[in-house]
Amino acid sequence: MPKLDGTHIVKRLSKRLAELRNGDVVAPRDVRALLTPEQETAMDAAWGEQQALRKKKRARTKEEEAALGWKTIRQIQIASYEAAVAEANVNELEAWEKKQRDAEVKQGRILFDELSKQMNAGVDASTAKIRANNALTRAGLQRMDGSRVGAQRLSKRDAEIQAMETAIVAGAHSAMTADELEQLYLVQEHEKTVLGNMKKTSI
């Protein structure tokens, strides 16, 4: 696949398909840029068949061309992009699932690495947890304490990722070890207690 995010490829392909259908001028390299090597090969093969067909059968009018199955290079490109969009739609769900798994793993690793670093440096547990959550904020990930500190400074892409992580954080952390899951549970319970106490004192 081209080096594009699998969760965005459908949108990119659809935009290029619309340009082709509208008759916009699209450079050959731009037509190929969003296609996989396999899709490029299929497109070239389809155009090769058309060139062979033109040598075998002559047509004098547009009607005769249509009857003989002639297609323009633009029609071949459109068909190739229609197939590419269909394929990308099938693969998009898998791309989102992978992105979610990667985000969960990254979130857990950053949190526990910073916790370990702070605890080894002799920092008290409460401060270590705050700093670990700050590390998540710097990485553009959701904090485990529920705070939205720094969210307004995130880029649009980071904000989209953060919104996705908010939806999956309650899910199973399948990539983590048993020890990490236990630590995560303890951190979450501690944060709940702290937040609960803060609410009581503010009443």
N, C-alpha and C. Protein backbone atom coordinates (compact mmCIF):
# COMPACT_ATOMS: atom_id res chain seq x y z
N MET A 1 0.84 -1.21 0.00
CA MET A 1 0.00 0.00 0.00
C MET A 1 0.87 1.25 0.00
N PRO A 2 0.38 2.34 -0.55
CA PRO A 2 1.12 3.60 -0.45
C PRO A 2 1.26 3.97 1.03
N LYS A 3 2.20 4.85 1.33
CA LYS A 3 2.42 5.23 2.72
C LYS A 3 1.37 6.23 3.16
N LEU A 4 0.14 5.76 3.28
CA LEU A 4 -0.97 6.58 3.72
C LEU A 4 -1.68 5.86 4.85
N ASP A 5 -2.29 6.65 5.72
CA ASP A 5 -3.05 6.08 6.82
C ASP A 5 -4.26 5.34 6.24
N GLY A 6 -4.41 4.07 6.61
CA GLY A 6 -5.51 3.27 6.08
C GLY A 6 -6.88 3.80 6.43
N THR A 7 -6.94 4.65 7.49
CA THR A 7 -8.23 5.23 7.86
C THR A 7 -8.57 6.45 7.03
N HIS A 8 -7.65 6.92 6.21
CA HIS A 8 -7.89 8.10 5.38
C HIS A 8 -7.88 7.81 3.89
N ILE A 9 -7.45 6.62 3.50
CA ILE A 9 -7.26 6.30 2.09
C ILE A 9 -8.57 6.34 1.31
N VAL A 10 -9.68 5.93 1.94
CA VAL A 10 -10.97 5.94 1.23
C VAL A 10 -11.33 7.36 0.82
N LYS A 11 -11.13 8.31 1.72
CA LYS A 11 -11.45 9.71 1.42
C LYS A 11 -10.57 10.23 0.29
N ARG A 12 -9.28 9.88 0.33
CA ARG A 12 -8.36 10.35 -0.71
C ARG A 12 -8.72 9.76 -2.07
N LEU A 13 -9.00 8.45 -2.08
CA LEU A 13 -9.35 7.79 -3.32
C LEU A 13 -10.66 8.34 -3.90
N SER A 14 -11.64 8.57 -3.02
CA SER A 14 -12.94 9.08 -3.47
C SER A 14 -12.81 10.47 -4.07
N LYS A 15 -11.95 11.28 -3.48
CA LYS A 15 -11.73 12.63 -4.01
C LYS A 15 -11.11 12.57 -5.40
N ARG A 16 -10.12 11.70 -5.58
CA ARG A 16 -9.48 11.57 -6.88
C ARG A 16 -10.46 10.98 -7.90
N LEU A 17 -11.28 10.05 -7.48
CA LEU A 17 -12.29 9.46 -8.36
C LEU A 17 -13.26 10.54 -8.84
N ALA A 18 -13.67 11.43 -7.94
CA ALA A 18 -14.59 12.51 -8.32
C ALA A 18 -13.93 13.43 -9.35
N GLU A 19 -12.64 13.69 -9.18
CA GLU A 19 -11.92 14.53 -10.14
C GLU A 19 -11.90 13.88 -11.53
N LEU A 20 -11.66 12.59 -11.55
CA LEU A 20 -11.63 11.87 -12.83
C LEU A 20 -13.01 11.87 -13.49
N ARG A 21 -14.04 11.64 -12.70
CA ARG A 21 -15.40 11.62 -13.24
C ARG A 21 -15.83 13.00 -13.76
N ASN A 22 -15.32 14.05 -13.10
CA ASN A 22 -15.68 15.41 -13.50
C ASN A 22 -14.90 15.89 -14.72
N GLY A 23 -13.94 15.10 -15.17
CA GLY A 23 -13.15 15.49 -16.31
C GLY A 23 -12.01 16.44 -15.98
N ASP A 24 -11.68 16.56 -14.70
CA ASP A 24 -10.58 17.44 -14.30
C ASP A 24 -9.26 16.90 -14.83
N VAL A 25 -8.32 17.80 -15.06
CA VAL A 25 -6.99 17.39 -15.52
C VAL A 25 -6.22 16.82 -14.32
N VAL A 26 -5.82 15.56 -14.42
CA VAL A 26 -5.07 14.90 -13.35
C VAL A 26 -3.80 14.32 -13.96
N ALA A 27 -2.67 14.73 -13.45
CA ALA A 27 -1.39 14.25 -13.98
C ALA A 27 -1.28 12.74 -13.80
N PRO A 28 -0.68 12.02 -14.77
CA PRO A 28 -0.53 10.57 -14.67
C PRO A 28 0.09 10.11 -13.35
N ARG A 29 1.10 10.85 -12.88
CA ARG A 29 1.75 10.45 -11.62
C ARG A 29 0.79 10.58 -10.44
N ASP A 30 -0.13 11.58 -10.51
CA ASP A 30 -1.10 11.75 -9.45
C ASP A 30 -2.17 10.66 -9.49
N VAL A 31 -2.46 10.18 -10.70
CA VAL A 31 -3.41 9.08 -10.83
C VAL A 31 -2.83 7.84 -10.15
N ARG A 32 -1.54 7.62 -10.33
CA ARG A 32 -0.90 6.43 -9.79
C ARG A 32 -0.57 6.54 -8.30
N ALA A 33 -0.45 7.78 -7.82
CA ALA A 33 0.06 8.01 -6.46
C ALA A 33 -0.74 7.29 -5.37
N LEU A 34 -2.05 7.17 -5.53
CA LEU A 34 -2.89 6.58 -4.48
C LEU A 34 -3.16 5.09 -4.67
N LEU A 35 -2.68 4.53 -5.77
CA LEU A 35 -2.94 3.12 -6.07
C LEU A 35 -1.83 2.23 -5.54
N THR A 36 -2.18 1.01 -5.18
CA THR A 36 -1.18 0.03 -4.79
C THR A 36 -0.47 -0.45 -6.06
N PRO A 37 0.70 -1.08 -5.93
CA PRO A 37 1.39 -1.64 -7.11
C PRO A 37 0.50 -2.60 -7.88
N GLU A 38 -0.27 -3.40 -7.16
CA GLU A 38 -1.17 -4.36 -7.81
C GLU A 38 -2.26 -3.64 -8.61
N GLN A 39 -2.79 -2.58 -8.04
CA GLN A 39 -3.84 -1.82 -8.73
C GLN A 39 -3.28 -1.10 -9.95
N GLU A 40 -2.05 -0.61 -9.84
CA GLU A 40 -1.40 0.02 -11.00
C GLU A 40 -1.20 -0.99 -12.12
N THR A 41 -0.75 -2.19 -11.75
CA THR A 41 -0.53 -3.24 -12.74
C THR A 41 -1.83 -3.60 -13.45
N ALA A 42 -2.90 -3.70 -12.68
CA ALA A 42 -4.21 -4.04 -13.26
C ALA A 42 -4.68 -2.94 -14.21
N MET A 43 -4.45 -1.68 -13.84
CA MET A 43 -4.84 -0.56 -14.68
C MET A 43 -4.04 -0.56 -15.99
N ASP A 44 -2.73 -0.81 -15.88
CA ASP A 44 -1.89 -0.85 -17.08
C ASP A 44 -2.31 -2.01 -17.99
N ALA A 45 -2.66 -3.14 -17.38
CA ALA A 45 -3.07 -4.30 -18.18
C ALA A 45 -4.37 -4.01 -18.91
N ALA A 46 -5.29 -3.32 -18.23
CA ALA A 46 -6.58 -2.99 -18.86
C ALA A 46 -6.36 -2.04 -20.04
N TRP A 47 -5.44 -1.09 -19.89
CA TRP A 47 -5.16 -0.16 -20.99
C TRP A 47 -4.43 -0.89 -22.13
N GLY A 48 -3.59 -1.84 -21.79
CA GLY A 48 -2.91 -2.64 -22.80
C GLY A 48 -3.89 -3.44 -23.64
N GLU A 49 -4.91 -3.97 -22.97
CA GLU A 49 -5.95 -4.71 -23.70
C GLU A 49 -6.70 -3.78 -24.65
N GLN A 50 -6.93 -2.57 -24.22
CA GLN A 50 -7.63 -1.59 -25.07
C GLN A 50 -6.80 -1.25 -26.31
N GLN A 51 -5.51 -1.10 -26.12
CA GLN A 51 -4.64 -0.78 -27.25
C GLN A 51 -4.61 -1.94 -28.25
N ALA A 52 -4.59 -3.16 -27.72
CA ALA A 52 -4.61 -4.34 -28.59
C ALA A 52 -5.93 -4.43 -29.34
N LEU A 53 -7.02 -4.08 -28.65
CA LEU A 53 -8.35 -4.13 -29.26
C LEU A 53 -8.45 -3.12 -30.41
N ARG A 54 -7.86 -1.97 -30.24
CA ARG A 54 -7.90 -0.94 -31.27
C ARG A 54 -7.15 -1.36 -32.54
N LYS A 55 -6.12 -2.15 -32.36
CA LYS A 55 -5.35 -2.61 -33.52
C LYS A 55 -6.11 -3.69 -34.29
N LYS A 56 -6.92 -4.45 -33.58
CA LYS A 56 -7.64 -5.55 -34.23
C LYS A 56 -8.94 -5.09 -34.88
N LYS A 57 -9.62 -4.17 -34.22
CA LYS A 57 -10.94 -3.75 -34.71
C LYS A 57 -10.99 -2.23 -34.87
N ARG A 58 -11.39 -1.80 -36.07
CA ARG A 58 -11.48 -0.38 -36.37
C ARG A 58 -12.90 0.12 -36.10
N ALA A 59 -12.98 1.36 -35.69
CA ALA A 59 -14.30 1.97 -35.45
C ALA A 59 -14.30 3.37 -36.06
N ARG A 60 -15.40 3.72 -36.69
CA ARG A 60 -15.49 5.02 -37.35
C ARG A 60 -16.30 6.03 -36.53
N THR A 61 -17.18 5.53 -35.69
CA THR A 61 -18.03 6.42 -34.90
C THR A 61 -17.95 6.04 -33.42
N LYS A 62 -18.48 6.93 -32.59
CA LYS A 62 -18.51 6.66 -31.16
C LYS A 62 -19.38 5.45 -30.86
N GLU A 63 -20.43 5.29 -31.66
CA GLU A 63 -21.33 4.15 -31.46
C GLU A 63 -20.59 2.84 -31.73
N GLU A 64 -19.79 2.83 -32.81
CA GLU A 64 -19.03 1.63 -33.14
C GLU A 64 -17.97 1.34 -32.07
N GLU A 65 -17.37 2.40 -31.53
CA GLU A 65 -16.38 2.22 -30.46
C GLU A 65 -17.02 1.55 -29.25
N ALA A 66 -18.21 2.05 -28.89
CA ALA A 66 -18.92 1.48 -27.74
C ALA A 66 -19.30 0.03 -27.99
N ALA A 67 -19.75 -0.25 -29.22
CA ALA A 67 -20.17 -1.62 -29.57
C ALA A 67 -18.99 -2.58 -29.53
N LEU A 68 -17.81 -2.09 -29.90
CA LEU A 68 -16.61 -2.93 -29.90
C LEU A 68 -15.95 -3.03 -28.53
N GLY A 69 -16.46 -2.27 -27.55
CA GLY A 69 -15.91 -2.32 -26.20
C GLY A 69 -14.72 -1.40 -25.98
N TRP A 70 -14.59 -0.40 -26.84
CA TRP A 70 -13.48 0.54 -26.68
C TRP A 70 -13.70 1.39 -25.41
N LYS A 71 -12.61 1.68 -24.72
CA LYS A 71 -12.66 2.56 -23.55
C LYS A 71 -11.49 3.54 -23.63
N THR A 72 -11.74 4.74 -23.16
CA THR A 72 -10.68 5.74 -23.14
C THR A 72 -9.80 5.49 -21.91
N ILE A 73 -8.62 6.13 -21.90
CA ILE A 73 -7.73 6.00 -20.75
C ILE A 73 -8.42 6.53 -19.50
N ARG A 74 -9.25 7.58 -19.65
CA ARG A 74 -9.99 8.13 -18.51
C ARG A 74 -10.98 7.11 -17.96
N GLN A 75 -11.65 6.40 -18.85
CA GLN A 75 -12.60 5.38 -18.41
C GLN A 75 -11.88 4.24 -17.67
N ILE A 76 -10.70 3.89 -18.15
CA ILE A 76 -9.90 2.85 -17.49
C ILE A 76 -9.49 3.32 -16.10
N GLN A 77 -9.08 4.58 -15.98
CA GLN A 77 -8.67 5.14 -14.70
C GLN A 77 -9.85 5.17 -13.72
N ILE A 78 -11.00 5.57 -14.22
CA ILE A 78 -12.19 5.62 -13.36
C ILE A 78 -12.54 4.22 -12.83
N ALA A 79 -12.51 3.23 -13.73
CA ALA A 79 -12.82 1.86 -13.32
C ALA A 79 -11.81 1.37 -12.28
N SER A 80 -10.54 1.74 -12.47
CA SER A 80 -9.49 1.33 -11.53
C SER A 80 -9.73 1.96 -10.16
N TYR A 81 -10.13 3.22 -10.16
CA TYR A 81 -10.39 3.90 -8.88
C TYR A 81 -11.66 3.40 -8.21
N GLU A 82 -12.64 3.05 -8.99
CA GLU A 82 -13.86 2.47 -8.40
C GLU A 82 -13.52 1.17 -7.68
N ALA A 83 -12.67 0.35 -8.30
CA ALA A 83 -12.26 -0.90 -7.67
C ALA A 83 -11.41 -0.63 -6.43
N ALA A 84 -10.54 0.39 -6.51
CA ALA A 84 -9.67 0.74 -5.38
C ALA A 84 -10.49 1.23 -4.19
N VAL A 85 -11.52 2.04 -4.45
CA VAL A 85 -12.39 2.53 -3.38
C VAL A 85 -13.11 1.37 -2.71
N ALA A 86 -13.62 0.44 -3.52
CA ALA A 86 -14.32 -0.72 -2.97
C ALA A 86 -13.39 -1.55 -2.07
N GLU A 87 -12.16 -1.73 -2.52
CA GLU A 87 -11.19 -2.50 -1.74
C GLU A 87 -10.82 -1.76 -0.45
N ALA A 88 -10.63 -0.45 -0.56
CA ALA A 88 -10.26 0.35 0.61
C ALA A 88 -11.37 0.35 1.65
N ASN A 89 -12.62 0.35 1.21
CA ASN A 89 -13.75 0.31 2.14
C ASN A 89 -13.73 -0.97 2.97
N VAL A 90 -13.36 -2.06 2.34
CA VAL A 90 -13.29 -3.35 3.03
C VAL A 90 -12.16 -3.33 4.06
N ASN A 91 -11.03 -2.69 3.70
CA ASN A 91 -9.85 -2.69 4.57
C ASN A 91 -9.90 -1.61 5.64
N GLU A 92 -10.81 -0.64 5.52
CA GLU A 92 -10.81 0.50 6.44
C GLU A 92 -11.09 0.08 7.88
N LEU A 93 -12.03 -0.82 8.10
CA LEU A 93 -12.35 -1.26 9.46
C LEU A 93 -11.13 -1.88 10.12
N GLU A 94 -10.43 -2.73 9.37
CA GLU A 94 -9.23 -3.35 9.92
C GLU A 94 -8.18 -2.29 10.27
N ALA A 95 -8.07 -1.26 9.44
CA ALA A 95 -7.10 -0.18 9.71
C ALA A 95 -7.46 0.56 10.99
N TRP A 96 -8.75 0.81 11.21
CA TRP A 96 -9.17 1.48 12.44
C TRP A 96 -8.90 0.62 13.66
N GLU A 97 -9.16 -0.68 13.54
CA GLU A 97 -8.93 -1.58 14.66
C GLU A 97 -7.44 -1.62 15.03
N LYS A 98 -6.59 -1.64 14.01
CA LYS A 98 -5.14 -1.64 14.26
C LYS A 98 -4.73 -0.33 14.94
N LYS A 99 -5.29 0.77 14.47
CA LYS A 99 -4.97 2.07 15.04
C LYS A 99 -5.38 2.12 16.50
N GLN A 100 -6.52 1.54 16.82
CA GLN A 100 -6.98 1.51 18.19
C GLN A 100 -6.06 0.67 19.07
N ARG A 101 -5.66 -0.50 18.56
CA ARG A 101 -4.75 -1.36 19.33
C ARG A 101 -3.41 -0.66 19.56
N ASP A 102 -2.89 -0.02 18.52
CA ASP A 102 -1.61 0.68 18.63
C ASP A 102 -1.71 1.82 19.65
N ALA A 103 -2.84 2.53 19.65
CA ALA A 103 -3.02 3.64 20.57
C ALA A 103 -3.07 3.16 22.02
N GLU A 104 -3.77 2.03 22.24
CA GLU A 104 -3.85 1.47 23.58
C GLU A 104 -2.47 1.07 24.10
N VAL A 105 -1.73 0.39 23.24
CA VAL A 105 -0.40 -0.06 23.63
C VAL A 105 0.50 1.14 23.93
N LYS A 106 0.47 2.13 23.05
CA LYS A 106 1.31 3.33 23.22
C LYS A 106 0.95 4.04 24.52
N GLN A 107 -0.33 4.17 24.77
CA GLN A 107 -0.79 4.84 25.98
C GLN A 107 -0.28 4.12 27.23
N GLY A 108 -0.43 2.80 27.24
CA GLY A 108 0.02 2.01 28.39
C GLY A 108 1.52 2.08 28.59
N ARG A 109 2.28 1.98 27.50
CA ARG A 109 3.74 1.99 27.61
C ARG A 109 4.24 3.33 28.15
N ILE A 110 3.70 4.42 27.61
CA ILE A 110 4.14 5.74 28.06
C ILE A 110 3.82 5.93 29.54
N LEU A 111 2.61 5.55 29.93
CA LEU A 111 2.19 5.71 31.32
C LEU A 111 3.09 4.93 32.28
N PHE A 112 3.31 3.66 31.99
CA PHE A 112 4.07 2.83 32.90
C PHE A 112 5.57 3.12 32.87
N ASP A 113 6.07 3.52 31.72
CA ASP A 113 7.49 3.90 31.64
C ASP A 113 7.75 5.13 32.49
N GLU A 114 6.84 6.11 32.41
CA GLU A 114 7.03 7.34 33.18
C GLU A 114 6.81 7.08 34.67
N LEU A 115 5.84 6.24 34.99
CA LEU A 115 5.61 5.88 36.40
C LEU A 115 6.86 5.24 36.99
N SER A 116 7.42 4.28 36.25
CA SER A 116 8.62 3.58 36.73
C SER A 116 9.78 4.56 36.88
N LYS A 117 9.94 5.45 35.90
CA LYS A 117 11.02 6.43 35.94
C LYS A 117 10.90 7.32 37.17
N GLN A 118 9.70 7.81 37.43
CA GLN A 118 9.49 8.71 38.55
C GLN A 118 9.64 7.99 39.90
N MET A 119 9.11 6.79 39.99
CA MET A 119 9.20 6.03 41.24
C MET A 119 10.64 5.66 41.54
N ASN A 120 11.39 5.29 40.50
CA ASN A 120 12.81 4.95 40.69
C ASN A 120 13.63 6.16 41.11
N ALA A 121 13.13 7.35 40.74
CA ALA A 121 13.83 8.59 41.10
C ALA A 121 13.45 9.05 42.51
N GLY A 122 12.59 8.29 43.17
CA GLY A 122 12.22 8.61 44.54
C GLY A 122 11.04 9.55 44.67
N VAL A 123 10.32 9.80 43.57
CA VAL A 123 9.15 10.68 43.61
C VAL A 123 7.98 9.94 44.26
N ASP A 124 7.18 10.65 45.06
CA ASP A 124 6.05 10.01 45.71
C ASP A 124 5.02 9.58 44.68
N ALA A 125 4.21 8.59 45.04
CA ALA A 125 3.28 7.96 44.09
C ALA A 125 2.32 8.96 43.46
N SER A 126 1.78 9.89 44.27
CA SER A 126 0.81 10.84 43.76
C SER A 126 1.43 11.73 42.68
N THR A 127 2.62 12.24 42.96
CA THR A 127 3.30 13.10 41.99
C THR A 127 3.70 12.31 40.75
N ALA A 128 4.14 11.06 40.98
CA ALA A 128 4.55 10.21 39.86
C ALA A 128 3.38 9.99 38.89
N LYS A 129 2.19 9.82 39.42
CA LYS A 129 1.01 9.61 38.58
C LYS A 129 0.65 10.86 37.79
N ILE A 130 0.80 12.01 38.44
CA ILE A 130 0.52 13.27 37.75
C ILE A 130 1.49 13.45 36.59
N ARG A 131 2.78 13.17 36.86
CA ARG A 131 3.79 13.33 35.82
C ARG A 131 3.60 12.31 34.69
N ALA A 132 3.15 11.12 35.06
CA ALA A 132 2.90 10.10 34.03
C ALA A 132 1.75 10.55 33.13
N ASN A 133 0.72 11.14 33.73
CA ASN A 133 -0.39 11.66 32.94
C ASN A 133 0.05 12.84 32.09
N ASN A 134 0.97 13.65 32.62
CA ASN A 134 1.50 14.76 31.83
C ASN A 134 2.26 14.23 30.60
N ALA A 135 2.92 13.10 30.77
CA ALA A 135 3.64 12.49 29.65
C ALA A 135 2.65 12.07 28.56
N LEU A 136 1.48 11.59 28.96
CA LEU A 136 0.45 11.23 28.00
C LEU A 136 -0.04 12.47 27.25
N THR A 137 -0.20 13.57 27.99
CA THR A 137 -0.64 14.82 27.36
C THR A 137 0.37 15.28 26.32
N ARG A 138 1.67 15.20 26.68
CA ARG A 138 2.71 15.62 25.73
C ARG A 138 2.70 14.76 24.48
N ALA A 139 2.31 13.50 24.64
CA ALA A 139 2.26 12.59 23.50
C ALA A 139 0.97 12.72 22.72
N GLY A 140 0.06 13.60 23.18
CA GLY A 140 -1.21 13.79 22.49
C GLY A 140 -2.20 12.67 22.74
N LEU A 141 -2.04 11.98 23.87
CA LEU A 141 -2.91 10.86 24.20
C LEU A 141 -3.82 11.22 25.37
N GLN A 142 -4.88 10.44 25.55
CA GLN A 142 -5.82 10.69 26.63
C GLN A 142 -5.16 10.41 27.97
N ARG A 143 -5.36 11.31 28.93
CA ARG A 143 -4.85 11.12 30.27
C ARG A 143 -5.70 10.09 31.01
N MET A 144 -5.07 9.36 31.91
CA MET A 144 -5.81 8.36 32.67
C MET A 144 -6.57 8.97 33.84
N ASP A 145 -6.26 10.24 34.17
CA ASP A 145 -6.97 10.89 35.28
C ASP A 145 -8.21 11.64 34.80
N GLY A 146 -8.51 11.54 33.51
CA GLY A 146 -9.71 12.16 32.98
C GLY A 146 -9.59 13.64 32.67
N SER A 147 -8.45 14.23 32.98
CA SER A 147 -8.25 15.66 32.73
C SER A 147 -8.09 15.92 31.24
N ARG A 148 -8.53 17.12 30.80
CA ARG A 148 -8.41 17.51 29.40
C ARG A 148 -7.32 18.56 29.22
N VAL A 149 -6.39 18.62 30.18
CA VAL A 149 -5.32 19.62 30.12
C VAL A 149 -4.57 19.53 28.81
N GLY A 150 -4.43 20.68 28.14
CA GLY A 150 -3.66 20.74 26.91
C GLY A 150 -4.42 20.29 25.68
N ALA A 151 -5.66 19.83 25.83
CA ALA A 151 -6.41 19.32 24.68
C ALA A 151 -6.63 20.38 23.63
N GLN A 152 -6.76 21.66 24.11
CA GLN A 152 -7.03 22.71 23.15
C GLN A 152 -5.84 22.98 22.24
N ARG A 153 -4.63 22.50 22.62
CA ARG A 153 -3.45 22.74 21.80
C ARG A 153 -3.15 21.60 20.84
N LEU A 154 -3.96 20.56 20.86
CA LEU A 154 -3.72 19.43 19.99
C LEU A 154 -4.09 19.78 18.55
N SER A 155 -3.37 19.17 17.60
CA SER A 155 -3.71 19.37 16.20
C SER A 155 -5.02 18.65 15.90
N LYS A 156 -5.60 18.96 14.76
CA LYS A 156 -6.86 18.32 14.39
C LYS A 156 -6.71 16.81 14.34
N ARG A 157 -5.58 16.33 13.79
CA ARG A 157 -5.34 14.89 13.69
C ARG A 157 -5.21 14.27 15.07
N ASP A 158 -4.45 14.93 15.97
CA ASP A 158 -4.29 14.41 17.32
C ASP A 158 -5.62 14.40 18.06
N ALA A 159 -6.43 15.43 17.82
CA ALA A 159 -7.74 15.50 18.46
C ALA A 159 -8.62 14.34 18.01
N GLU A 160 -8.53 13.98 16.72
CA GLU A 160 -9.31 12.86 16.20
C GLU A 160 -8.86 11.56 16.85
N ILE A 161 -7.54 11.41 16.98
CA ILE A 161 -7.00 10.21 17.61
C ILE A 161 -7.41 10.15 19.07
N GLN A 162 -7.37 11.31 19.75
CA GLN A 162 -7.74 11.34 21.16
C GLN A 162 -9.21 10.97 21.34
N ALA A 163 -10.05 11.46 20.43
CA ALA A 163 -11.48 11.13 20.51
C ALA A 163 -11.68 9.63 20.34
N MET A 164 -10.90 9.04 19.42
CA MET A 164 -10.99 7.59 19.21
C MET A 164 -10.54 6.85 20.46
N GLU A 165 -9.45 7.32 21.09
CA GLU A 165 -8.93 6.65 22.28
C GLU A 165 -9.91 6.74 23.44
N THR A 166 -10.65 7.84 23.51
CA THR A 166 -11.65 7.99 24.56
C THR A 166 -12.68 6.87 24.47
N ALA A 167 -13.00 6.50 23.22
CA ALA A 167 -14.01 5.46 23.00
C ALA A 167 -13.49 4.07 23.31
N ILE A 168 -12.17 3.89 23.23
CA ILE A 168 -11.63 2.53 23.39
C ILE A 168 -10.93 2.29 24.72
N VAL A 169 -10.73 3.37 25.51
CA VAL A 169 -9.92 3.21 26.72
C VAL A 169 -10.55 2.24 27.70
N ALA A 170 -11.90 2.12 27.67
CA ALA A 170 -12.56 1.20 28.58
C ALA A 170 -12.48 -0.25 28.09
N GLY A 171 -11.97 -0.45 26.90
CA GLY A 171 -11.86 -1.80 26.33
C GLY A 171 -10.73 -2.60 26.95
N ALA A 172 -10.61 -3.83 26.53
CA ALA A 172 -9.57 -4.71 27.06
C ALA A 172 -8.20 -4.29 26.57
N HIS A 173 -7.22 -4.28 27.47
CA HIS A 173 -5.84 -3.94 27.13
C HIS A 173 -5.09 -5.25 26.85
N SER A 174 -5.48 -5.89 25.76
CA SER A 174 -4.99 -7.23 25.45
C SER A 174 -3.49 -7.32 25.22
N ALA A 175 -2.88 -6.20 24.83
CA ALA A 175 -1.45 -6.24 24.53
C ALA A 175 -0.59 -6.09 25.77
N MET A 176 -1.21 -5.81 26.93
CA MET A 176 -0.44 -5.58 28.14
C MET A 176 -0.25 -6.88 28.91
N THR A 177 0.80 -6.90 29.74
CA THR A 177 1.06 -8.05 30.59
C THR A 177 0.13 -8.01 31.79
N ALA A 178 0.07 -9.11 32.53
CA ALA A 178 -0.79 -9.17 33.71
C ALA A 178 -0.37 -8.12 34.74
N ASP A 179 0.92 -7.94 34.91
CA ASP A 179 1.42 -6.94 35.87
C ASP A 179 1.01 -5.53 35.46
N GLU A 180 1.11 -5.23 34.18
CA GLU A 180 0.74 -3.91 33.70
C GLU A 180 -0.75 -3.66 33.87
N LEU A 181 -1.55 -4.69 33.62
CA LEU A 181 -2.99 -4.54 33.80
C LEU A 181 -3.33 -4.28 35.26
N GLU A 182 -2.61 -4.96 36.16
CA GLU A 182 -2.84 -4.75 37.59
C GLU A 182 -2.45 -3.33 38.00
N GLN A 183 -1.31 -2.86 37.48
CA GLN A 183 -0.88 -1.50 37.78
C GLN A 183 -1.89 -0.48 37.24
N LEU A 184 -2.38 -0.74 36.04
CA LEU A 184 -3.36 0.17 35.45
C LEU A 184 -4.62 0.23 36.31
N TYR A 185 -5.06 -0.92 36.78
CA TYR A 185 -6.25 -0.96 37.62
C TYR A 185 -6.03 -0.15 38.90
N LEU A 186 -4.87 -0.30 39.51
CA LEU A 186 -4.56 0.43 40.74
C LEU A 186 -4.53 1.94 40.49
N VAL A 187 -3.93 2.33 39.36
CA VAL A 187 -3.88 3.75 39.03
C VAL A 187 -5.29 4.31 38.85
N GLN A 188 -6.11 3.59 38.11
CA GLN A 188 -7.47 4.04 37.86
C GLN A 188 -8.28 4.17 39.15
N GLU A 189 -8.12 3.17 40.04
CA GLU A 189 -8.83 3.20 41.31
C GLU A 189 -8.36 4.38 42.16
N HIS A 190 -7.06 4.62 42.13
CA HIS A 190 -6.52 5.75 42.89
C HIS A 190 -7.08 7.07 42.37
N GLU A 191 -7.08 7.22 41.04
CA GLU A 191 -7.58 8.46 40.45
C GLU A 191 -9.06 8.66 40.76
N LYS A 192 -9.82 7.57 40.77
CA LYS A 192 -11.24 7.68 41.11
C LYS A 192 -11.41 8.17 42.54
N THR A 193 -10.58 7.63 43.43
CA THR A 193 -10.66 8.03 44.84
C THR A 193 -10.31 9.50 45.01
N VAL A 194 -9.24 9.92 44.34
CA VAL A 194 -8.80 11.32 44.44
C VAL A 194 -9.89 12.26 43.91
N LEU A 195 -10.43 11.92 42.74
CA LEU A 195 -11.48 12.76 42.17
C LEU A 195 -12.71 12.80 43.05
N GLY A 196 -13.02 11.62 43.66
CA GLY A 196 -14.18 11.56 44.55
C GLY A 196 -13.99 12.44 45.77
N ASN A 197 -12.80 12.41 46.35
CA ASN A 197 -12.50 13.24 47.52
C ASN A 197 -12.56 14.74 47.18
N MET A 198 -12.06 15.08 45.96
CA MET A 198 -12.08 16.47 45.53
C MET A 198 -13.52 16.98 45.41
N LYS A 199 -14.38 16.11 44.88
CA LYS A 199 -15.79 16.50 44.73
C LYS A 199 -16.44 16.72 46.09
N LYS A 200 -16.10 15.83 47.05
CA LYS A 200 -16.70 15.94 48.39
C LYS A 200 -16.29 17.23 49.08
N THR A 201 -15.00 17.58 48.93
CA THR A 201 -14.50 18.78 49.60
C THR A 201 -15.02 20.05 48.95
N SER A 202 -15.42 19.95 47.67
CA SER A 202 -15.92 21.14 46.96
C SER A 202 -17.38 21.40 47.21
N ILE A 203 -18.05 20.42 47.83
CA ILE A 203 -19.49 20.56 48.10
C ILE A 203 -19.70 21.46 49.31
